[in-house]
Protein backbone atom coordinates (compact mmCIF):
# COMPACT_ATOMS: atom_id res chain seq x y z
CA UNK A 1 -146.43 104.51 60.32
CA UNK A 2 -143.09 102.66 60.80
CA UNK A 3 -140.79 104.22 63.40
CA UNK A 4 -137.22 103.73 64.68
CA UNK A 5 -135.78 102.94 68.06
CA UNK A 6 -134.17 106.07 69.53
CA UNK A 7 -131.62 103.90 71.28
CA UNK A 8 -130.26 101.59 68.57
CA UNK A 9 -131.99 102.77 65.35
CA UNK A 10 -133.75 99.49 64.67
CA UNK A 11 -137.08 99.68 62.84
CA UNK A 12 -140.09 99.11 65.13
CA UNK A 13 -143.64 98.30 64.20
CA UNK A 14 -146.39 100.79 64.69
CA UNK A 15 -147.88 100.48 68.10
CA UNK A 16 -144.86 98.71 69.67
CA UNK A 17 -143.94 99.82 73.11
CA UNK A 18 -140.48 98.28 73.26
CA UNK A 19 -137.69 97.76 70.75
CA UNK A 20 -137.56 94.09 69.61
CA UNK A 21 -133.71 94.24 69.37
CA UNK A 22 -132.42 96.21 72.40
CA UNK A 23 -135.59 96.27 74.52
CA UNK A 24 -135.58 100.02 75.05
CA UNK A 25 -138.94 101.85 75.52
CA UNK A 26 -140.28 103.48 72.32
CA UNK A 27 -140.80 107.24 72.34
CA UNK A 28 -143.88 107.83 70.10
CA UNK A 29 -142.96 111.39 69.17
CA UNK A 30 -142.70 111.38 65.34
CA UNK A 31 -141.77 114.15 63.03
CA UNK A 32 -144.19 113.76 60.13
CA UNK A 33 -142.63 116.46 57.99
CA UNK A 34 -141.37 115.02 54.73
CA UNK A 35 -138.11 116.70 55.25
CA UNK A 36 -137.38 114.80 58.61
CA UNK A 37 -134.43 112.41 58.29
CA UNK A 38 -132.64 110.06 60.79
CA UNK A 39 -129.19 111.13 61.94
CA UNK A 40 -126.41 108.84 63.14
CA UNK A 41 -124.08 110.00 65.89
CA UNK A 42 -120.97 108.19 67.35
CA UNK A 43 -119.80 108.56 70.90
CA UNK A 44 -117.05 106.98 72.98
CA UNK A 45 -113.90 104.96 72.14
CA UNK A 46 -113.77 101.70 70.19
CA UNK A 47 -111.12 99.27 71.52
CA UNK A 48 -109.41 97.03 69.02
CA UNK A 49 -106.84 94.24 69.35
CA UNK A 50 -103.35 95.57 68.46
CA UNK A 51 -102.54 92.24 66.85
CA UNK A 52 -105.54 91.46 64.60
CA UNK A 53 -107.81 94.53 64.83
CA UNK A 54 -110.76 92.64 66.35
CA UNK A 55 -113.18 94.97 68.28
CA UNK A 56 -112.87 94.11 72.02
CA UNK A 57 -115.44 94.19 74.76
CA UNK A 58 -114.68 95.97 77.93
CA UNK A 59 -112.64 94.32 80.71
CA UNK A 60 -111.12 91.53 78.65
CA UNK A 61 -107.47 90.50 79.05
CA UNK A 62 -107.20 88.23 75.92
CA UNK A 63 -108.35 88.79 72.33
CA UNK A 64 -111.11 86.23 71.60
CA UNK A 65 -110.00 85.96 67.93
CA UNK A 66 -106.22 85.65 68.02
CA UNK A 67 -105.56 84.98 71.74
CA UNK A 68 -103.32 87.97 72.19
CA UNK A 69 -102.83 88.79 75.87
CA UNK A 70 -103.65 92.40 76.77
CA UNK A 71 -101.47 93.82 79.45
CA UNK A 72 -102.29 97.07 81.09
CA UNK A 73 -105.98 96.21 81.38
CA UNK A 74 -108.00 96.09 84.61
CA UNK A 75 -107.02 92.47 85.10
CA UNK A 76 -103.33 93.29 85.11
CA UNK A 77 -103.56 95.29 88.33
CA UNK A 78 -106.33 93.22 89.94
CA UNK A 79 -104.06 90.96 91.92
CA UNK A 80 -102.18 93.95 93.34
CA UNK A 81 -105.49 95.60 94.14
CA UNK A 82 -106.62 92.40 95.99
CA UNK A 83 -103.39 92.50 98.07
CA UNK A 84 -103.98 96.13 98.97
CA UNK A 85 -107.59 95.42 99.92
CA UNK A 86 -106.49 92.57 102.20
CA UNK A 87 -103.97 94.78 103.89
CA UNK A 88 -106.77 97.25 104.67
CA UNK A 89 -109.23 94.54 105.84
CA UNK A 90 -110.45 95.02 109.41
CA UNK A 91 -110.79 91.35 110.39
CA UNK A 92 -110.33 87.78 109.22
CA UNK A 93 -113.90 87.41 107.98
CA UNK A 94 -113.38 90.37 105.59
CA UNK A 95 -110.09 88.89 104.36
CA UNK A 96 -111.84 85.51 103.69
CA UNK A 97 -114.64 87.28 101.83
CA UNK A 98 -112.17 89.28 99.64
CA UNK A 99 -110.22 86.09 98.74
CA UNK A 100 -113.31 84.04 97.97
CA UNK A 101 -114.98 86.76 95.94
CA UNK A 102 -111.92 87.43 93.78
CA UNK A 103 -112.39 85.99 90.24
CA UNK A 104 -109.70 83.77 88.76
CA UNK A 105 -107.70 85.79 86.20
CA UNK A 106 -107.62 84.85 82.47
CA UNK A 107 -104.02 85.44 81.41
CA UNK A 108 -100.96 83.52 82.48
CA UNK A 109 -99.12 86.36 84.27
CA UNK A 110 -102.09 87.08 86.49
CA UNK A 111 -102.84 83.43 87.14
CA UNK A 112 -99.21 82.79 88.24
CA UNK A 113 -99.14 86.04 90.19
CA UNK A 114 -102.21 85.06 92.13
CA UNK A 115 -100.89 81.56 92.77
CA UNK A 116 -97.57 83.12 94.11
CA UNK A 117 -99.51 85.48 96.29
CA UNK A 118 -101.75 82.73 97.63
CA UNK A 119 -98.97 80.28 98.28
CA UNK A 120 -96.82 82.88 100.12
CA UNK A 121 -99.82 83.59 102.47
CA UNK A 122 -100.90 79.96 102.90
CA UNK A 123 -100.27 78.67 106.42
CA UNK A 124 -100.44 74.85 106.52
CA UNK A 125 -100.58 74.72 110.31
CA UNK A 126 -103.62 77.00 110.36
CA UNK A 127 -105.25 74.84 107.64
CA UNK A 128 -104.70 71.59 109.49
CA UNK A 129 -105.59 72.95 112.89
CA UNK A 130 -108.89 74.50 111.62
CA UNK A 131 -109.68 72.02 108.90
CA UNK A 132 -113.41 72.02 108.15
CA UNK A 133 -113.71 75.58 109.45
CA UNK A 134 -113.78 78.88 107.52
CA UNK A 135 -110.27 80.21 107.69
CA UNK A 136 -107.88 82.36 105.60
CA UNK A 137 -105.56 79.48 104.57
CA UNK A 138 -108.51 77.38 103.34
CA UNK A 139 -109.66 80.34 101.23
CA UNK A 140 -106.11 80.71 99.74
CA UNK A 141 -105.99 77.00 99.02
CA UNK A 142 -109.32 77.24 97.18
CA UNK A 143 -107.91 79.98 94.96
CA UNK A 144 -104.68 77.95 94.33
CA UNK A 145 -106.78 74.94 93.26
CA UNK A 146 -108.98 76.98 90.94
CA UNK A 147 -105.93 78.65 89.37
CA UNK A 148 -104.29 75.29 88.87
CA UNK A 149 -107.44 73.91 87.13
CA UNK A 150 -107.66 76.93 84.88
CA UNK A 151 -103.94 76.78 84.09
CA UNK A 152 -104.28 73.13 83.09
CA UNK A 153 -107.05 74.08 80.65
CA UNK A 154 -105.81 77.37 79.14
CA UNK A 155 -102.03 77.71 79.51
CA UNK A 156 -99.22 76.18 77.43
CA UNK A 157 -97.00 73.36 78.67
CA UNK A 158 -94.27 75.60 80.14
CA UNK A 159 -96.71 77.63 82.13
CA UNK A 160 -98.61 74.62 83.22
CA UNK A 161 -95.40 73.30 84.76
CA UNK A 162 -94.89 76.53 86.75
CA UNK A 163 -98.49 76.39 88.01
CA UNK A 164 -98.18 72.71 88.91
CA UNK A 165 -94.93 73.32 90.87
CA UNK A 166 -96.70 75.90 92.98
CA UNK A 167 -99.64 73.66 93.49
CA UNK A 168 -97.50 70.60 94.30
CA UNK A 169 -95.45 72.57 96.81
CA UNK A 170 -98.58 73.56 98.70
CA UNK A 171 -99.78 69.92 98.71
CA UNK A 172 -96.39 68.75 100.09
CA UNK A 173 -96.66 71.37 102.86
CA UNK A 174 -100.12 70.00 103.72
CA UNK A 175 -98.89 66.37 103.84
CA UNK A 176 -95.91 67.32 106.01
CA UNK A 177 -98.18 69.30 108.33
CA UNK A 178 -100.55 66.30 108.65
CA UNK A 179 -97.63 64.02 109.54
CA UNK A 180 -96.39 66.45 112.20
CA UNK A 181 -99.92 66.88 113.55
CA UNK A 182 -100.37 63.05 113.74
CA UNK A 183 -96.95 62.64 115.42
CA UNK A 184 -97.91 65.30 117.96
CA UNK A 185 -101.22 63.64 118.57
CA UNK A 186 -99.65 60.25 119.05
CA UNK A 187 -97.08 61.73 121.41
CA UNK A 188 -99.82 63.36 123.49
CA UNK A 189 -101.78 60.11 123.51
CA UNK A 190 -98.71 58.16 124.57
CA UNK A 191 -98.01 60.60 127.42
CA UNK A 192 -101.74 60.45 128.53
CA UNK A 193 -101.67 56.63 128.44
CA UNK A 194 -98.43 56.50 130.32
CA UNK A 195 -99.75 58.76 133.01
CA UNK A 196 -102.89 56.69 133.32
CA UNK A 197 -100.86 53.54 133.35
CA UNK A 198 -98.57 54.69 136.18
CA UNK A 199 -101.58 55.16 138.41
CA UNK A 200 -103.32 51.86 137.53
CA UNK A 201 -103.34 48.53 139.22
CA UNK A 202 -102.28 46.84 135.91
CA UNK A 203 -98.78 48.29 136.40
CA UNK A 204 -98.31 46.51 139.69
CA UNK A 205 -99.86 43.29 138.29
CA UNK A 206 -97.43 43.29 135.38
CA UNK A 207 -94.45 43.75 137.72
CA UNK A 208 -95.64 40.93 139.93
CA UNK A 209 -96.24 38.50 137.08
CA UNK A 210 -93.00 39.39 135.41
CA UNK A 211 -91.20 38.27 138.60
CA UNK A 212 -93.37 35.14 138.75
CA UNK A 213 -92.59 34.36 135.09
CA UNK A 214 -88.82 34.66 135.80
CA UNK A 215 -89.19 32.23 138.69
CA UNK A 216 -91.26 29.87 136.55
CA UNK A 217 -88.61 30.03 133.92
CA UNK A 218 -85.84 29.16 136.38
CA UNK A 219 -87.77 26.24 137.87
CA UNK A 220 -88.63 24.87 134.43
CA UNK A 221 -85.04 24.81 133.19
CA UNK A 222 -83.79 23.39 136.54
CA UNK A 223 -86.31 20.62 136.25
CA UNK A 224 -85.34 19.75 132.70
CA UNK A 225 -88.59 21.04 131.21
CA UNK A 226 -87.12 22.74 128.21
CA UNK A 227 -90.37 23.51 126.44
CA UNK A 228 -91.93 24.93 129.59
CA UNK A 229 -88.80 27.06 130.11
CA UNK A 230 -89.10 28.48 126.60
CA UNK A 231 -92.77 29.27 127.16
CA UNK A 232 -92.09 30.96 130.47
CA UNK A 233 -89.20 32.96 128.92
CA UNK A 234 -91.66 34.14 126.28
CA UNK A 235 -94.04 35.11 129.10
CA UNK A 236 -91.26 37.28 130.59
CA UNK A 237 -90.70 39.09 127.32
CA UNK A 238 -94.43 39.74 126.83
CA UNK A 239 -95.01 41.02 130.38
CA UNK A 240 -91.98 43.34 130.07
CA UNK A 241 -93.12 44.53 126.65
CA UNK A 242 -96.55 45.32 128.04
CA UNK A 243 -94.99 47.18 130.93
CA UNK A 244 -92.71 49.28 128.69
CA UNK A 245 -95.51 50.03 126.26
CA UNK A 246 -97.79 51.13 129.05
CA UNK A 247 -95.01 53.31 130.55
CA UNK A 248 -94.46 55.03 127.23
CA UNK A 249 -90.95 53.70 126.70
CA UNK A 250 -92.13 51.82 123.62
CA UNK A 251 -94.59 53.91 121.63
CA UNK A 252 -98.09 52.56 120.97
CA UNK A 253 -99.60 53.17 117.52
CA UNK A 254 -102.97 52.13 118.88
CA UNK A 255 -104.41 53.13 122.26
CA UNK A 256 -104.19 50.37 124.94
CA UNK A 257 -102.10 48.27 122.64
CA UNK A 258 -100.03 47.21 125.69
CA UNK A 259 -102.97 45.02 126.71
CA UNK A 260 -102.27 42.59 123.81
CA UNK A 261 -98.92 41.30 124.97
CA UNK A 262 -100.19 41.22 128.59
CA UNK A 263 -103.18 39.03 127.63
CA UNK A 264 -100.98 36.75 125.54
CA UNK A 265 -98.60 36.38 128.50
CA UNK A 266 -101.45 35.41 130.87
CA UNK A 267 -102.73 32.90 128.24
CA UNK A 268 -99.35 31.22 128.13
CA UNK A 269 -99.68 30.12 131.79
CA UNK A 270 -102.00 27.36 130.46
CA UNK A 271 -99.48 25.59 128.20
CA UNK A 272 -96.69 26.37 130.74
CA UNK A 273 -98.37 24.38 133.53
CA UNK A 274 -99.36 21.69 131.08
CA UNK A 275 -95.76 21.25 129.98
CA UNK A 276 -94.15 21.65 133.36
CA UNK A 277 -96.48 19.82 135.73
CA UNK A 278 -98.77 17.80 133.46
CA UNK A 279 -101.85 18.73 135.55
CA UNK A 280 -99.82 18.35 138.87
CA UNK A 281 -99.41 14.62 138.36
CA UNK A 282 -96.01 14.44 136.64
CA UNK A 283 -92.86 14.01 138.64
CA UNK A 284 -89.33 14.60 137.48
CA UNK A 285 -87.74 11.40 138.68
CA UNK A 286 -88.63 8.52 136.44
CA UNK A 287 -88.65 5.88 139.22
CA UNK A 288 -90.93 8.10 141.35
CA UNK A 289 -93.12 8.62 138.38
CA UNK A 290 -93.41 4.91 137.74
CA UNK A 291 -94.46 4.51 141.42
CA UNK A 292 -97.02 7.25 140.95
CA UNK A 293 -98.65 5.51 138.00
CA UNK A 294 -98.60 2.19 139.71
CA UNK A 295 -100.24 3.59 142.83
CA UNK A 296 -103.03 5.41 140.87
CA UNK A 297 -103.89 2.83 138.23
CA UNK A 298 -106.91 0.67 138.92
CA UNK A 299 -108.89 -1.99 137.29
CA UNK A 300 -111.90 -0.55 135.47
CA UNK A 301 -115.08 -1.69 133.83
CA UNK A 302 -116.41 0.64 131.27
CA UNK A 303 -120.03 -0.22 131.98
CA UNK A 304 -119.51 0.82 135.67
CA UNK A 305 -118.85 4.45 134.71
CA UNK A 306 -121.89 6.72 135.22
CA UNK A 307 -121.39 8.32 131.83
CA UNK A 308 -119.74 5.35 130.18
CA UNK A 309 -122.70 4.70 127.82
CA UNK A 310 -122.15 8.07 126.12
CA UNK A 311 -118.62 7.18 124.98
CA UNK A 312 -117.13 4.34 123.00
CA UNK A 313 -115.35 1.68 125.17
CA UNK A 314 -111.63 2.45 125.21
CA UNK A 315 -110.74 -1.19 125.42
CA UNK A 316 -108.29 -1.03 128.28
CA UNK A 317 -108.90 -2.54 131.77
CA UNK A 318 -106.54 -0.22 133.64
CA UNK A 319 -106.81 3.56 134.09
CA UNK A 320 -106.44 6.44 136.45
CA UNK A 321 -109.91 7.51 137.42
CA UNK A 322 -109.96 11.26 138.26
CA UNK A 323 -113.64 11.68 138.46
CA UNK A 324 -116.69 9.51 137.98
CA UNK A 325 -119.94 11.33 138.70
CA UNK A 326 -123.29 11.83 137.10
CA UNK A 327 -122.11 15.07 135.42
CA UNK A 328 -118.40 14.42 134.70
CA UNK A 329 -116.11 11.53 133.79
CA UNK A 330 -112.30 12.04 133.72
CA UNK A 331 -109.88 9.22 132.91
CA UNK A 332 -106.12 8.92 132.14
CA UNK A 333 -104.53 6.15 130.20
CA UNK A 334 -100.73 5.65 130.07
CA UNK A 335 -98.21 4.12 127.73
CA UNK A 336 -100.16 4.74 124.54
CA UNK A 337 -98.90 5.50 121.07
CA UNK A 338 -100.23 8.33 118.99
CA UNK A 339 -101.96 5.86 116.74
CA UNK A 340 -104.20 4.66 119.65
CA UNK A 341 -105.25 8.26 120.28
CA UNK A 342 -106.08 8.72 116.61
CA UNK A 343 -108.10 5.50 116.33
CA UNK A 344 -110.07 6.37 119.45
CA UNK A 345 -110.69 9.87 118.09
CA UNK A 346 -112.20 8.32 114.96
CA UNK A 347 -114.45 6.14 117.20
CA UNK A 348 -115.65 9.21 119.09
CA UNK A 349 -116.47 10.99 115.84
CA UNK A 350 -118.43 7.98 114.71
CA UNK A 351 -120.18 8.09 118.09
CA UNK A 352 -121.50 11.53 117.17
CA UNK A 353 -118.95 13.96 118.68
CA UNK A 354 -118.62 16.20 115.66
CA UNK A 355 -120.66 19.35 116.58
CA UNK A 356 -118.67 22.55 116.87
CA UNK A 357 -115.48 20.40 116.81
CA UNK A 358 -112.01 21.87 117.27
CA UNK A 359 -109.00 19.65 116.33
CA UNK A 360 -105.59 20.73 117.57
CA UNK A 361 -103.59 17.73 116.48
CA UNK A 362 -103.15 16.33 119.97
CA UNK A 363 -106.32 17.86 121.44
CA UNK A 364 -109.91 17.50 120.39
CA UNK A 365 -113.15 19.06 121.66
CA UNK A 366 -116.64 18.61 120.38
CA UNK A 367 -120.34 18.16 121.35
CA UNK A 368 -122.72 15.48 120.37
CA UNK A 369 -126.37 15.88 119.37
CA UNK A 370 -127.51 15.46 123.05
CA UNK A 371 -125.22 18.23 124.31
CA UNK A 372 -122.47 16.09 125.89
CA UNK A 373 -119.11 17.81 125.74
CA UNK A 374 -115.96 15.70 125.04
CA UNK A 375 -112.34 16.73 125.48
CA UNK A 376 -109.48 14.47 124.41
CA UNK A 377 -105.81 15.31 124.92
CA UNK A 378 -102.70 13.27 124.15
CA UNK A 379 -99.39 13.94 125.88
CA UNK A 380 -96.55 12.73 123.78
CA UNK A 381 -93.98 12.52 126.63
CA UNK A 382 -92.34 9.56 128.35
CA UNK A 383 -95.65 8.38 129.87
CA UNK A 384 -97.57 8.86 126.58
CA UNK A 385 -100.81 9.77 128.33
CA UNK A 386 -104.32 10.13 126.93
CA UNK A 387 -106.83 12.17 128.97
CA UNK A 388 -110.60 11.69 128.43
CA UNK A 389 -112.90 14.34 129.83
CA UNK A 390 -116.76 14.09 129.36
CA UNK A 391 -119.26 16.57 130.73
CA UNK A 392 -123.01 16.13 130.77
CA UNK A 393 -125.29 18.65 128.89
CA UNK A 394 -126.09 22.06 130.37
CA UNK A 395 -129.41 21.90 132.16
CA UNK A 396 -132.35 23.65 130.50
CA UNK A 397 -133.88 25.34 133.58
CA UNK A 398 -135.68 28.62 133.71
CA UNK A 399 -133.34 31.15 135.29
CA UNK A 400 -134.44 34.11 137.41
CA UNK A 401 -132.01 36.93 136.61
CA UNK A 402 -130.60 38.38 139.91
CA UNK A 403 -131.16 42.00 140.92
CA UNK A 404 -128.08 42.33 143.06
CA UNK A 405 -125.66 45.30 142.84
CA UNK A 406 -123.11 42.96 141.19
CA UNK A 407 -125.36 42.14 138.25
CA UNK A 408 -127.46 45.33 138.00
CA UNK A 409 -125.45 46.81 135.08
CA UNK A 410 -125.39 43.50 133.09
CA UNK A 411 -127.85 43.42 130.17
CA UNK A 412 -130.45 40.69 130.65
CA UNK A 413 -129.96 38.09 127.88
CA UNK A 414 -132.78 37.33 125.52
CA UNK A 415 -132.88 33.68 126.66
CA UNK A 416 -132.87 32.74 130.40
CA UNK A 417 -132.81 29.08 129.95
CA UNK A 418 -129.71 27.25 131.23
CA UNK A 419 -127.77 26.57 134.38
CA UNK A 420 -126.32 28.79 137.12
CA UNK A 421 -122.94 27.43 138.20
CA UNK A 422 -121.91 30.17 140.71
CA UNK A 423 -123.90 32.77 142.61
CA UNK A 424 -122.64 34.93 145.50
CA UNK A 425 -122.18 38.53 146.42
CA UNK A 426 -118.76 38.48 144.66
CA UNK A 427 -119.36 36.28 141.66
CA UNK A 428 -122.08 35.14 139.33
CA UNK A 429 -121.69 32.54 136.54
CA UNK A 430 -124.34 31.21 134.23
CA UNK A 431 -124.46 29.00 131.14
CA UNK A 432 -127.31 29.83 128.80
CA UNK A 433 -128.61 27.50 126.10
CA UNK A 434 -130.60 28.12 122.91
CA UNK A 435 -128.22 31.04 122.02
CA UNK A 436 -127.40 31.59 118.34
CA UNK A 437 -123.66 32.29 117.55
CA UNK A 438 -124.65 35.63 116.07
CA UNK A 439 -126.13 36.78 119.39
CA UNK A 440 -122.69 36.88 120.94
CA UNK A 441 -121.62 40.10 119.12
CA UNK A 442 -125.05 41.66 119.81
CA UNK A 443 -124.86 40.94 123.52
CA UNK A 444 -121.25 42.18 123.80
CA UNK A 445 -122.32 45.49 122.17
CA UNK A 446 -125.12 45.81 124.84
CA UNK A 447 -122.56 45.18 127.55
CA UNK A 448 -120.19 47.79 126.20
CA UNK A 449 -123.04 50.34 125.94
CA UNK A 450 -123.78 49.65 129.61
CA UNK A 451 -120.30 50.70 130.62
CA UNK A 452 -118.21 47.57 130.31
CA UNK A 453 -115.65 49.08 128.04
CA UNK A 454 -112.60 49.65 130.32
CA UNK A 455 -109.49 47.61 129.45
CA UNK A 456 -111.57 45.34 127.23
CA UNK A 457 -110.42 42.51 124.94
CA UNK A 458 -112.61 41.01 122.27
CA UNK A 459 -112.49 38.15 119.77
CA UNK A 460 -115.14 36.30 117.72
CA UNK A 461 -116.12 34.13 120.68
CA UNK A 462 -114.70 35.73 123.77
CA UNK A 463 -115.09 39.18 125.51
CA UNK A 464 -113.62 40.48 128.73
CA UNK A 465 -113.88 43.97 130.19
CA UNK A 466 -114.29 46.03 133.43
CA UNK A 467 -116.59 48.94 134.20
CA UNK A 468 -115.66 52.13 136.03
CA UNK A 469 -116.60 50.51 139.34
CA UNK A 470 -114.07 47.71 138.87
CA UNK A 471 -116.60 44.97 138.21
CA UNK A 472 -115.20 42.37 135.76
CA UNK A 473 -117.28 40.74 133.08
CA UNK A 474 -116.44 37.71 130.83
CA UNK A 475 -118.66 36.52 127.99
CA UNK A 476 -117.85 33.48 125.91
CA UNK A 477 -119.61 31.56 123.23
CA UNK A 478 -118.82 27.90 124.09
CA UNK A 479 -120.37 26.30 121.04
CA UNK A 480 -123.55 24.26 120.67
CA UNK A 481 -125.65 27.41 121.20
CA UNK A 482 -124.18 27.85 124.69
CA UNK A 483 -123.27 31.23 126.06
CA UNK A 484 -121.25 31.67 129.30
CA UNK A 485 -121.54 34.83 131.31
CA UNK A 486 -119.25 35.37 134.37
CA UNK A 487 -119.26 38.47 136.59
CA UNK A 488 -116.97 39.06 139.56
CA UNK A 489 -115.95 41.83 141.92
CA UNK A 490 -113.10 40.44 143.97
CA UNK A 491 -110.91 43.01 145.77
CA UNK A 492 -107.47 41.63 145.12
């Protein structure tokens, strides 16, 4: 016989144990008397929208039909209730839990009220200081962001503007706090660097070389070497800049940035001496200089040079012979125009000196296929000098890597074929062949991992650093698959 659900009144099939509509268990007690009839009873209060009359579910703050906002519901006092609960919380963890568990309201008054409450309790310093950690300000920020998203989807334009103003104000606070934190960090770093610099040897070195640069500048201008004087004046500026940056007078945006002007200043010594002394052979008095050239020029025969066959004949029968050995030929020619330098450079290129070439306008360096290294330099001064410097290839000998205390922390290169140029208890220099250019960066990384990361400077082909014991390391890719490694420990 057909029955009815005692919970909702829906008809149920005979033998069913649960109502197919509401899921309630079926009570199989039937009254089979013909007179038995179902009765309908009503209990409780039906809530309707005061605007359109739609029946409302419990705990809603907006009519789903007409959108009318219902004040005076549970949602209206929920924000105040949250505030009271926070005041009664025993610890920060409980406060964070209350904030995170609080649902975002549905109507505009409660959304804006919650955003005001969150923004007034948001501490940007706490948020920045404990960023990434669970803290109260981070929980408030999460509520603000959720409210702003809900406002952008459900509120009208005027209310969106109010919500966005609160949200933007919080974001501005965070940006300002980040700037202040960064400035404070940079100030602390600057103080720490200055303290370290005051106790370092570099400070004394910079003072000494600043004085030397001033003297070099004075000597250059007194001797009429204007360009050398300008270079030395620039050296003074760079040394002083490095000193002031290291002392903290000039702020450093990057740690150890003071090393950059210091290194540049040291590098300028090369062009300074070239311009002022011309390799210690130039003299200031023209008559004395003429005597110098006359005394040092000699008759030459290109075929008599030990390495002459590896260069094109220059075509002059007079030159200053600086060195003529089996491993190095150095010659100076005087009274030449730039066009002669350019024509001889073209001859050298045709002779095969084009590998890893570097052309500086008045200087040229390159290797040939056999590994001979050529350096040409033209001095466009009164004497109009051309210097020719040719070195023989690096030897391809099997090298036994030393086990001394000086070299113990240096990574052993993957290739030990080349030539040792210096080996003592204080210094070790080796030229390795068969080294690919890409291995330079790999080897430098190994050196830094082994502790050579103090006061380091690094470029695409050159690396210099110290370790904590004061041992100095230089690594340079020379070109033509040649890697130079130089270690020293001189107690200056």
